[in-house]
Amino acid sequence: MIGRILGLAIATVMGAVLYYVSRFWDWSLWPREGLFGVEALRPQGGLVGRWLRGTDLTEYELLSWAIGVFLVLSLLQWLFDLFKRKDG
């Protein structure tokens, strides 16, 4: 039971992180200086566009984000399945 709650919490946090990295994040929950003073973690989100700025992939920001989300969630599912087999 605790494993399921922990897995759900990890998946929820990962979903929030992936949403923050996307261009769809619209909330300003921390000051303009960035989260914990880190300027790269600005409150507007949209980090994928910022990372791709100046490259040929700038036009494909949404596609790059979607592929990244698919890969991260696939890895997370693989890890959950790996630990689930060990538990019983």
N, C-alpha and C. Protein backbone atom coordinates (compact mmCIF):
# COMPACT_ATOMS: atom_id res chain seq x y z
N MET A 1 0.82 -1.19 0.00
CA MET A 1 0.00 0.00 0.00
C MET A 1 0.87 1.27 0.00
N ILE A 2 1.91 1.28 0.82
CA ILE A 2 2.79 2.44 0.89
C ILE A 2 3.53 2.60 -0.44
N GLY A 3 3.88 1.48 -1.07
CA GLY A 3 4.55 1.55 -2.36
C GLY A 3 3.70 2.22 -3.42
N ARG A 4 2.42 1.95 -3.40
CA ARG A 4 1.51 2.58 -4.37
C ARG A 4 1.37 4.08 -4.11
N ILE A 5 1.28 4.44 -2.85
CA ILE A 5 1.17 5.86 -2.50
C ILE A 5 2.45 6.59 -2.89
N LEU A 6 3.60 5.97 -2.61
CA LEU A 6 4.87 6.57 -2.99
C LEU A 6 5.00 6.69 -4.50
N GLY A 7 4.59 5.66 -5.22
CA GLY A 7 4.62 5.71 -6.68
C GLY A 7 3.72 6.79 -7.24
N LEU A 8 2.54 6.94 -6.65
CA LEU A 8 1.62 7.98 -7.09
C LEU A 8 2.19 9.37 -6.81
N ALA A 9 2.83 9.53 -5.66
CA ALA A 9 3.44 10.81 -5.32
C ALA A 9 4.59 11.14 -6.28
N ILE A 10 5.41 10.16 -6.60
CA ILE A 10 6.52 10.37 -7.54
C ILE A 10 5.98 10.74 -8.92
N ALA A 11 4.95 10.03 -9.37
CA ALA A 11 4.37 10.33 -10.68
C ALA A 11 3.74 11.72 -10.71
N THR A 12 3.12 12.14 -9.61
CA THR A 12 2.51 13.46 -9.54
C THR A 12 3.58 14.56 -9.59
N VAL A 13 4.64 14.38 -8.83
CA VAL A 13 5.73 15.36 -8.84
C VAL A 13 6.38 15.41 -10.22
N MET A 14 6.60 14.27 -10.84
CA MET A 14 7.21 14.23 -12.17
C MET A 14 6.28 14.91 -13.19
N GLY A 15 4.98 14.70 -13.06
CA GLY A 15 4.04 15.38 -13.95
C GLY A 15 4.09 16.89 -13.80
N ALA A 16 4.20 17.35 -12.55
CA ALA A 16 4.30 18.80 -12.31
C ALA A 16 5.60 19.36 -12.89
N VAL A 17 6.69 18.62 -12.75
CA VAL A 17 7.98 19.08 -13.30
C VAL A 17 7.90 19.14 -14.83
N LEU A 18 7.33 18.12 -15.44
CA LEU A 18 7.22 18.11 -16.91
C LEU A 18 6.29 19.22 -17.39
N TYR A 19 5.26 19.51 -16.63
CA TYR A 19 4.36 20.62 -16.99
C TYR A 19 5.09 21.95 -16.86
N TYR A 20 5.92 22.09 -15.82
CA TYR A 20 6.68 23.33 -15.63
C TYR A 20 7.68 23.55 -16.76
N VAL A 21 8.29 22.50 -17.24
CA VAL A 21 9.28 22.61 -18.31
C VAL A 21 8.62 22.99 -19.64
N SER A 22 7.34 22.68 -19.78
CA SER A 22 6.64 22.96 -21.04
C SER A 22 6.32 24.44 -21.19
N ARG A 23 5.81 24.79 -22.34
CA ARG A 23 5.40 26.18 -22.60
C ARG A 23 4.03 26.50 -22.02
N PHE A 24 3.34 25.50 -21.48
CA PHE A 24 1.98 25.70 -21.00
C PHE A 24 1.90 26.20 -19.56
N TRP A 25 3.02 26.19 -18.83
CA TRP A 25 3.04 26.68 -17.44
C TRP A 25 2.68 28.16 -17.45
N ASP A 26 1.70 28.54 -16.65
CA ASP A 26 1.22 29.91 -16.69
C ASP A 26 1.26 30.60 -15.32
N TRP A 27 1.66 29.89 -14.29
CA TRP A 27 1.65 30.45 -12.95
C TRP A 27 3.01 31.01 -12.57
N SER A 28 3.01 32.06 -11.79
CA SER A 28 4.24 32.62 -11.22
C SER A 28 4.20 32.37 -9.72
N LEU A 29 4.74 31.26 -9.28
CA LEU A 29 4.64 30.87 -7.88
C LEU A 29 5.84 31.32 -7.05
N TRP A 30 6.89 31.82 -7.69
CA TRP A 30 8.06 32.29 -6.96
C TRP A 30 8.56 33.57 -7.62
N PRO A 31 9.48 34.27 -6.96
CA PRO A 31 9.93 35.58 -7.49
C PRO A 31 10.70 35.47 -8.80
N ARG A 32 10.88 36.60 -9.44
CA ARG A 32 11.54 36.66 -10.75
C ARG A 32 13.00 36.24 -10.70
N GLU A 33 13.62 36.25 -9.51
CA GLU A 33 15.02 35.83 -9.41
C GLU A 33 15.18 34.34 -9.65
N GLY A 34 14.10 33.60 -9.63
CA GLY A 34 14.14 32.17 -9.86
C GLY A 34 13.94 31.39 -8.57
N LEU A 35 13.59 30.14 -8.72
CA LEU A 35 13.35 29.26 -7.58
C LEU A 35 14.66 29.03 -6.83
N PHE A 36 14.67 29.29 -5.53
CA PHE A 36 15.85 29.16 -4.66
C PHE A 36 17.02 30.02 -5.15
N GLY A 37 16.71 31.10 -5.85
CA GLY A 37 17.76 31.99 -6.34
C GLY A 37 18.44 31.51 -7.61
N VAL A 38 17.99 30.42 -8.18
CA VAL A 38 18.57 29.89 -9.41
C VAL A 38 17.88 30.58 -10.58
N GLU A 39 18.62 31.38 -11.31
CA GLU A 39 18.03 32.19 -12.38
C GLU A 39 17.46 31.32 -13.50
N ALA A 40 18.01 30.12 -13.72
CA ALA A 40 17.53 29.25 -14.79
C ALA A 40 16.13 28.71 -14.50
N LEU A 41 15.70 28.71 -13.24
CA LEU A 41 14.37 28.22 -12.89
C LEU A 41 13.42 29.40 -12.71
N ARG A 42 13.16 30.06 -13.80
CA ARG A 42 12.31 31.25 -13.77
C ARG A 42 10.85 30.87 -13.53
N PRO A 43 10.05 31.81 -13.03
CA PRO A 43 8.68 31.47 -12.66
C PRO A 43 7.74 31.22 -13.83
N GLN A 44 8.09 31.64 -15.03
CA GLN A 44 7.18 31.47 -16.17
C GLN A 44 7.24 30.08 -16.78
N GLY A 45 8.20 29.25 -16.42
CA GLY A 45 8.33 27.94 -17.05
C GLY A 45 8.86 28.09 -18.46
N GLY A 46 8.45 27.20 -19.36
CA GLY A 46 8.88 27.28 -20.75
C GLY A 46 10.36 27.04 -20.94
N LEU A 47 10.92 26.13 -20.17
CA LEU A 47 12.36 25.90 -20.22
C LEU A 47 12.81 25.22 -21.51
N VAL A 48 11.96 24.41 -22.11
CA VAL A 48 12.35 23.73 -23.35
C VAL A 48 12.63 24.76 -24.44
N GLY A 49 11.77 25.75 -24.56
CA GLY A 49 12.00 26.82 -25.54
C GLY A 49 13.28 27.58 -25.28
N ARG A 50 13.57 27.79 -24.01
CA ARG A 50 14.80 28.49 -23.65
C ARG A 50 16.03 27.65 -23.96
N TRP A 51 15.94 26.34 -23.70
CA TRP A 51 17.07 25.44 -23.98
C TRP A 51 17.32 25.31 -25.48
N LEU A 52 16.25 25.35 -26.27
CA LEU A 52 16.40 25.16 -27.72
C LEU A 52 16.67 26.45 -28.47
N ARG A 53 16.61 27.59 -27.80
CA ARG A 53 16.83 28.88 -28.45
C ARG A 53 18.21 28.91 -29.09
N GLY A 54 18.25 29.33 -30.35
CA GLY A 54 19.51 29.42 -31.08
C GLY A 54 19.89 28.15 -31.82
N THR A 55 19.05 27.13 -31.75
CA THR A 55 19.32 25.89 -32.47
C THR A 55 18.32 25.74 -33.61
N ASP A 56 18.53 24.72 -34.42
CA ASP A 56 17.59 24.45 -35.51
C ASP A 56 16.30 23.81 -35.00
N LEU A 57 16.28 23.36 -33.76
CA LEU A 57 15.10 22.69 -33.21
C LEU A 57 14.10 23.65 -32.57
N THR A 58 14.35 24.94 -32.62
CA THR A 58 13.47 25.92 -31.99
C THR A 58 12.04 25.81 -32.51
N GLU A 59 11.89 25.54 -33.78
CA GLU A 59 10.56 25.41 -34.39
C GLU A 59 9.82 24.18 -33.88
N TYR A 60 10.55 23.21 -33.38
CA TYR A 60 9.97 21.94 -32.95
C TYR A 60 9.97 21.81 -31.43
N GLU A 61 9.76 22.92 -30.76
CA GLU A 61 9.77 22.92 -29.29
C GLU A 61 8.73 21.97 -28.71
N LEU A 62 7.51 22.04 -29.19
CA LEU A 62 6.43 21.21 -28.67
C LEU A 62 6.70 19.73 -28.95
N LEU A 63 7.17 19.42 -30.14
CA LEU A 63 7.49 18.04 -30.48
C LEU A 63 8.65 17.53 -29.62
N SER A 64 9.66 18.36 -29.41
CA SER A 64 10.79 17.97 -28.55
C SER A 64 10.32 17.71 -27.13
N TRP A 65 9.43 18.56 -26.63
CA TRP A 65 8.90 18.38 -25.29
C TRP A 65 8.09 17.08 -25.20
N ALA A 66 7.26 16.81 -26.19
CA ALA A 66 6.43 15.60 -26.18
C ALA A 66 7.30 14.34 -26.23
N ILE A 67 8.33 14.34 -27.03
CA ILE A 67 9.23 13.19 -27.08
C ILE A 67 9.94 13.01 -25.75
N GLY A 68 10.39 14.11 -25.15
CA GLY A 68 11.03 14.05 -23.85
C GLY A 68 10.10 13.51 -22.77
N VAL A 69 8.85 13.97 -22.78
CA VAL A 69 7.86 13.48 -21.81
C VAL A 69 7.64 11.99 -21.99
N PHE A 70 7.51 11.55 -23.22
CA PHE A 70 7.32 10.13 -23.49
C PHE A 70 8.49 9.31 -22.95
N LEU A 71 9.71 9.78 -23.20
CA LEU A 71 10.88 9.05 -22.73
C LEU A 71 10.98 9.03 -21.21
N VAL A 72 10.72 10.15 -20.58
CA VAL A 72 10.79 10.22 -19.11
C VAL A 72 9.73 9.34 -18.47
N LEU A 73 8.51 9.41 -18.97
CA LEU A 73 7.44 8.59 -18.40
C LEU A 73 7.66 7.10 -18.68
N SER A 74 8.23 6.77 -19.83
CA SER A 74 8.56 5.37 -20.11
C SER A 74 9.62 4.86 -19.16
N LEU A 75 10.64 5.67 -18.89
CA LEU A 75 11.68 5.29 -17.94
C LEU A 75 11.09 5.14 -16.54
N LEU A 76 10.22 6.04 -16.15
CA LEU A 76 9.58 5.96 -14.84
C LEU A 76 8.74 4.69 -14.72
N GLN A 77 8.01 4.35 -15.77
CA GLN A 77 7.21 3.11 -15.76
C GLN A 77 8.11 1.89 -15.67
N TRP A 78 9.23 1.89 -16.39
CA TRP A 78 10.18 0.78 -16.34
C TRP A 78 10.73 0.61 -14.92
N LEU A 79 11.06 1.74 -14.27
CA LEU A 79 11.57 1.66 -12.90
C LEU A 79 10.50 1.15 -11.94
N PHE A 80 9.26 1.61 -12.08
CA PHE A 80 8.19 1.11 -11.23
C PHE A 80 7.99 -0.39 -11.42
N ASP A 81 8.02 -0.86 -12.66
CA ASP A 81 7.88 -2.29 -12.93
C ASP A 81 9.06 -3.08 -12.36
N LEU A 82 10.24 -2.53 -12.43
CA LEU A 82 11.43 -3.18 -11.91
C LEU A 82 11.32 -3.38 -10.39
N PHE A 83 10.91 -2.36 -9.68
CA PHE A 83 10.75 -2.46 -8.23
C PHE A 83 9.55 -3.31 -7.83
N LYS A 84 8.51 -3.30 -8.65
CA LYS A 84 7.33 -4.10 -8.36
C LYS A 84 7.66 -5.58 -8.43
N ARG A 85 8.48 -5.99 -9.40
CA ARG A 85 8.88 -7.41 -9.51
C ARG A 85 9.71 -7.84 -8.31
N LYS A 86 10.56 -6.98 -7.81
CA LYS A 86 11.39 -7.34 -6.66
C LYS A 86 10.58 -7.46 -5.38
N ASP A 87 9.51 -6.68 -5.26
CA ASP A 87 8.70 -6.72 -4.05
C ASP A 87 7.83 -7.98 -3.98
N GLY A 88 7.51 -8.52 -5.05
CA GLY A 88 6.70 -9.74 -4.96
C GLY A 88 5.72 -9.77 -6.03
